[in-house]
Amino acid sequence: MEKNRNYQNLIRFLSLISGIGGFIFSFTNLYNIIDVIRFINTEGFTYIIKNIIGLIFTEIVILFSIRPNRPIPIHFALIGVIGFFIMIFSYFWCGFLLLIAGGIDLITRTGEKE
């Protein structure tokens, strides 16, 4: 019984950390959406959707982590971790797209000057 309680506390702690981390992470990279929309409209739209999904995941996990009396279901902890990784992936994908778009923009600008 004690092992099971420790296991649930560990899951609750990890999901709370991943939930709060994902929540903070999604707010820190929201400013990139404007640049992506300016360069590539469809990718900017999918980026917004990924952020919203990540926020919903983290909110669910935070709500389930705060309840101390009931054990947290394992699938909610997994959803929180998956949502966190989706946001990390979308952040790097956004930076990659901005790099490509900036490179194309630089190439087209240097072509215009000549």
Protein backbone atom coordinates (compact mmCIF):
# COMPACT_ATOMS: atom_id res chain seq x y z
CA MET A 1 0.00 0.00 0.00
CA GLU A 2 2.83 2.39 0.87
CA LYS A 3 4.61 1.72 -2.43
CA ASN A 4 1.42 2.49 -4.34
CA ARG A 5 1.00 5.79 -2.46
CA ASN A 6 4.62 6.79 -3.20
CA TYR A 7 4.08 5.88 -6.86
CA GLN A 8 0.95 8.07 -7.04
CA ASN A 9 2.77 10.95 -5.34
CA LEU A 10 5.61 10.65 -7.85
CA ILE A 11 3.17 10.67 -10.78
CA ARG A 12 1.34 13.65 -9.27
CA PHE A 13 4.61 15.55 -8.80
CA LEU A 14 5.90 14.78 -12.33
CA SER A 15 2.61 15.69 -13.98
CA LEU A 16 2.40 18.92 -11.99
CA ILE A 17 5.96 19.86 -13.01
CA SER A 18 5.32 19.01 -16.67
CA GLY A 19 1.98 20.80 -16.60
CA ILE A 20 3.33 24.01 -15.08
CA GLY A 21 6.43 23.83 -17.30
CA GLY A 22 4.32 23.36 -20.41
CA PHE A 23 2.01 26.19 -19.36
CA ILE A 24 4.94 28.60 -18.87
CA PHE A 25 6.68 27.35 -22.03
CA SER A 26 3.61 27.94 -24.19
CA PHE A 27 3.32 31.53 -22.96
CA THR A 28 7.01 32.26 -23.56
CA ASN A 29 6.87 31.21 -27.21
CA LEU A 30 3.51 32.75 -28.19
CA TYR A 31 5.24 35.83 -29.62
CA ASN A 32 6.68 33.73 -32.48
CA ILE A 33 3.19 33.15 -33.89
CA ILE A 34 3.05 36.65 -35.42
CA ASP A 35 6.28 36.11 -37.38
CA VAL A 36 5.17 32.69 -38.60
CA ILE A 37 1.80 34.05 -39.74
CA ARG A 38 3.58 36.84 -41.58
CA PHE A 39 5.78 34.38 -43.49
CA ILE A 40 3.77 31.16 -43.75
CA ASN A 41 0.05 31.41 -43.06
CA THR A 42 -0.89 27.74 -42.75
CA GLU A 43 2.04 26.86 -40.48
CA GLY A 44 1.20 29.77 -38.21
CA PHE A 45 -2.36 28.47 -37.92
CA THR A 46 -1.23 24.95 -36.99
CA TYR A 47 1.21 26.47 -34.49
CA ILE A 48 -1.62 28.33 -32.76
CA ILE A 49 -3.67 25.10 -32.62
CA LYS A 50 -0.70 23.21 -31.10
CA ASN A 51 -0.31 25.88 -28.42
CA ILE A 52 -4.01 25.83 -27.57
CA ILE A 53 -4.00 22.00 -27.35
CA GLY A 54 -0.90 22.17 -25.13
CA LEU A 55 -2.56 24.73 -22.85
CA ILE A 56 -5.67 22.56 -22.52
CA PHE A 57 -3.52 19.51 -21.69
CA THR A 58 -1.54 21.38 -19.06
CA GLU A 59 -4.67 22.87 -17.49
CA ILE A 60 -6.22 19.39 -17.18
CA VAL A 61 -3.05 18.01 -15.61
CA ILE A 62 -2.73 20.92 -13.16
CA LEU A 63 -6.36 20.51 -12.10
CA PHE A 64 -5.92 16.77 -11.51
CA SER A 65 -2.59 17.26 -9.73
CA ILE A 66 -3.92 19.77 -7.22
CA ARG A 67 -6.62 17.40 -5.86
CA PRO A 68 -4.78 15.76 -2.94
CA ASN A 69 -7.33 13.14 -1.82
CA ARG A 70 -7.92 11.29 -5.09
CA PRO A 71 -5.17 9.48 -6.99
CA ILE A 72 -4.26 10.98 -10.35
CA PRO A 73 -4.99 8.71 -13.33
CA ILE A 74 -1.87 7.65 -15.21
CA HIS A 75 -3.27 8.68 -18.59
CA PHE A 76 -3.64 12.28 -17.44
CA ALA A 77 0.01 12.33 -16.44
CA LEU A 78 0.92 10.93 -19.86
CA ILE A 79 -1.28 13.52 -21.59
CA GLY A 80 0.54 16.29 -19.71
CA VAL A 81 3.96 14.97 -20.71
CA ILE A 82 2.85 14.50 -24.35
CA GLY A 83 1.41 18.03 -24.41
CA PHE A 84 4.69 19.39 -23.06
CA PHE A 85 6.69 17.62 -25.79
CA ILE A 86 4.23 18.82 -28.47
CA MET A 87 4.92 22.39 -27.37
CA ILE A 88 8.70 21.88 -27.39
CA PHE A 89 8.46 20.34 -30.87
CA SER A 90 6.23 23.17 -32.14
CA TYR A 91 8.66 25.72 -30.71
CA PHE A 92 11.66 24.26 -32.57
CA TRP A 93 9.59 23.67 -35.72
CA CYS A 94 8.53 27.33 -35.60
CA GLY A 95 12.16 28.43 -35.31
CA PHE A 96 13.14 26.14 -38.20
CA LEU A 97 10.40 27.60 -40.41
CA LEU A 98 11.43 31.13 -39.51
CA LEU A 99 15.02 30.27 -40.41
CA ILE A 100 13.96 28.97 -43.84
CA ALA A 101 11.60 31.90 -44.45
CA GLY A 102 14.28 34.38 -43.37
CA GLY A 103 16.81 32.71 -45.69
CA ILE A 104 14.39 32.87 -48.63
CA ASP A 105 13.63 36.50 -47.80
CA LEU A 106 17.37 37.29 -47.67
CA ILE A 107 18.01 35.57 -51.01
CA THR A 108 15.15 37.40 -52.72
CA ARG A 109 16.26 40.75 -51.28
CA THR A 110 19.86 40.34 -52.47
CA GLY A 111 18.51 39.43 -55.92
CA GLU A 112 16.49 42.65 -56.02
CA LYS A 113 19.48 44.86 -55.18
CA GLU A 114 21.52 43.65 -58.14
